[in-house]
């Protein structure tokens, strides 16, 4: 799908203005730190811009601030649009993630296991 210049600018701005939860999550997953999986941030998918995306798992991670409590119907419609396009979505509130990041990390690991993705062996041999 073609990305318009406006959407590209918006994605760049969002990458530089990440919330604390997004920054912490990015620190945990960038450079394939989590099970060797590659995550992209502020990625364009299905005509939307998602917080984080792992193509290997077809998994979208959305970290939501307080304003999302006022946009539950809109978020549900976004999630449905992404699921209809073949992506799985995990949506977590910023406060929930910051208080216990391991819950989200465990959910991502379960998703990887279900899809048969195993991390590379540290020695480089299987």
Protein backbone atom coordinates (compact mmCIF):
# COMPACT_ATOMS: atom_id res chain seq x y z
CA UNK A 1 0.00 0.00 0.00
CA UNK A 2 1.28 3.46 -0.91
CA UNK A 3 2.21 5.69 2.01
CA UNK A 4 1.33 9.35 1.46
CA UNK A 5 3.88 12.06 2.34
CA UNK A 6 1.53 13.32 5.09
CA UNK A 7 1.35 9.89 6.70
CA UNK A 8 5.11 9.51 6.45
CA UNK A 9 5.62 12.86 8.22
CA UNK A 10 3.10 11.89 10.89
CA UNK A 11 4.82 8.54 11.49
CA UNK A 12 8.21 10.28 11.82
CA UNK A 13 6.74 12.75 14.30
CA UNK A 14 5.15 9.95 16.33
CA UNK A 15 8.49 8.10 16.43
CA UNK A 16 10.18 11.14 17.92
CA UNK A 17 7.32 11.88 20.36
CA UNK A 18 6.82 8.44 21.91
CA UNK A 19 5.15 8.07 25.29
CA UNK A 20 7.12 6.68 28.23
CA UNK A 21 5.45 3.28 27.77
CA UNK A 22 6.28 3.25 24.05
CA UNK A 23 9.88 4.23 24.78
CA UNK A 24 10.27 1.46 27.37
CA UNK A 25 8.69 -1.14 25.08
CA UNK A 26 10.92 -0.05 22.20
CA UNK A 27 13.99 -0.42 24.44
CA UNK A 28 12.89 -3.98 25.21
CA UNK A 29 12.29 -5.10 21.62
CA UNK A 30 14.50 -3.04 19.31
CA UNK A 31 17.44 -4.69 17.55
CA UNK A 32 15.73 -8.10 17.83
CA UNK A 33 16.18 -8.21 21.62
CA UNK A 34 12.97 -10.18 22.12
CA UNK A 35 13.25 -13.74 20.81
CA UNK A 36 15.09 -12.48 17.72
CA UNK A 37 11.88 -10.87 16.43
CA UNK A 38 12.05 -7.67 14.41
CA UNK A 39 9.64 -4.93 15.47
CA UNK A 40 8.90 -1.72 13.61
CA UNK A 41 7.45 1.35 15.31
CA UNK A 42 4.77 3.64 13.93
CA UNK A 43 4.30 1.31 10.99
CA UNK A 44 1.70 1.81 8.24
CA UNK A 45 -0.71 -1.15 7.97
CA UNK A 46 -4.12 -1.48 6.35
CA UNK A 47 -4.28 2.29 5.85
CA UNK A 48 -3.57 2.93 9.55
CA UNK A 49 -0.45 3.75 11.55
CA UNK A 50 0.11 1.25 14.35
CA UNK A 51 2.36 1.71 17.39
CA UNK A 52 4.46 -1.44 16.84
CA UNK A 53 4.42 -4.23 14.29
CA UNK A 54 6.18 -7.59 14.01
CA UNK A 55 5.87 -8.89 10.43
CA UNK A 56 7.10 -12.38 11.34
CA UNK A 57 4.14 -12.84 13.69
CA UNK A 58 1.73 -10.53 11.82
CA UNK A 59 1.31 -8.97 15.25
CA UNK A 60 0.35 -5.39 16.09
CA UNK A 61 1.06 -3.96 19.54
CA UNK A 62 -0.92 -0.89 20.58
CA UNK A 63 0.06 0.93 23.79
CA UNK A 64 -2.73 3.27 24.79
CA UNK A 65 -2.69 6.38 26.95
CA UNK A 66 -5.65 7.77 28.90
CA UNK A 67 -7.23 9.44 25.87
CA UNK A 68 -8.04 6.00 24.47
CA UNK A 69 -10.64 5.52 27.21
CA UNK A 70 -12.67 8.12 25.31
CA UNK A 71 -12.07 6.38 21.97
CA UNK A 72 -12.95 2.76 22.75
CA UNK A 73 -15.35 2.40 19.82
CA UNK A 74 -12.82 3.92 17.42
CA UNK A 75 -10.07 1.62 18.75
CA UNK A 76 -12.37 -1.41 18.40
CA UNK A 77 -13.04 -0.45 14.77
CA UNK A 78 -9.28 -0.10 14.14
CA UNK A 79 -8.65 -3.50 15.72
CA UNK A 80 -11.37 -5.08 13.58
CA UNK A 81 -9.93 -3.50 10.43
CA UNK A 82 -6.48 -4.87 11.28
CA UNK A 83 -7.84 -8.34 12.08
CA UNK A 84 -9.81 -8.37 8.82
CA UNK A 85 -6.51 -7.63 7.04
CA UNK A 86 -4.97 -10.71 8.73
CA UNK A 87 -3.14 -9.17 11.70
CA UNK A 88 -3.40 -10.09 15.36
CA UNK A 89 -3.69 -7.14 17.75
CA UNK A 90 -2.62 -6.81 21.37
CA UNK A 91 -3.84 -3.59 22.96
CA UNK A 92 -2.50 -2.62 26.41
CA UNK A 93 -2.86 0.53 28.46
CA UNK A 94 0.30 2.50 29.19
CA UNK A 95 -0.18 2.22 32.96
CA UNK A 96 -0.72 -1.54 32.81
CA UNK A 97 2.41 -1.98 30.69
CA UNK A 98 4.56 0.25 32.90
CA UNK A 99 3.43 -1.50 36.08
CA UNK A 100 4.04 -5.00 34.66
CA UNK A 101 5.81 -5.13 31.28
CA UNK A 102 6.32 -8.88 31.58
CA UNK A 103 2.62 -9.50 30.91
CA UNK A 104 2.93 -8.06 27.40
CA UNK A 105 6.30 -9.72 26.78
CA UNK A 106 4.81 -13.09 27.82
CA UNK A 107 1.86 -12.56 25.44
CA UNK A 108 4.28 -11.88 22.56
CA UNK A 109 6.28 -15.00 23.43
CA UNK A 110 3.08 -17.09 23.47
CA UNK A 111 2.17 -15.72 20.05
CA UNK A 112 5.63 -16.66 18.74
CA UNK A 113 5.33 -20.17 20.18
CA UNK A 114 1.88 -20.65 18.64
CA UNK A 115 3.26 -19.67 15.26
CA UNK A 116 6.20 -22.04 15.65
CA UNK A 117 8.78 -19.25 15.78
CA UNK A 118 11.73 -20.19 17.90
CA UNK A 119 14.53 -17.83 18.86
CA UNK A 120 17.92 -18.56 17.31
CA UNK A 121 20.24 -20.62 19.46
CA UNK A 122 22.90 -18.43 21.13
CA UNK A 123 25.73 -20.53 19.68
CA UNK A 124 24.42 -20.03 16.15
CA UNK A 125 23.64 -23.76 15.79
CA UNK A 126 20.25 -25.38 16.20
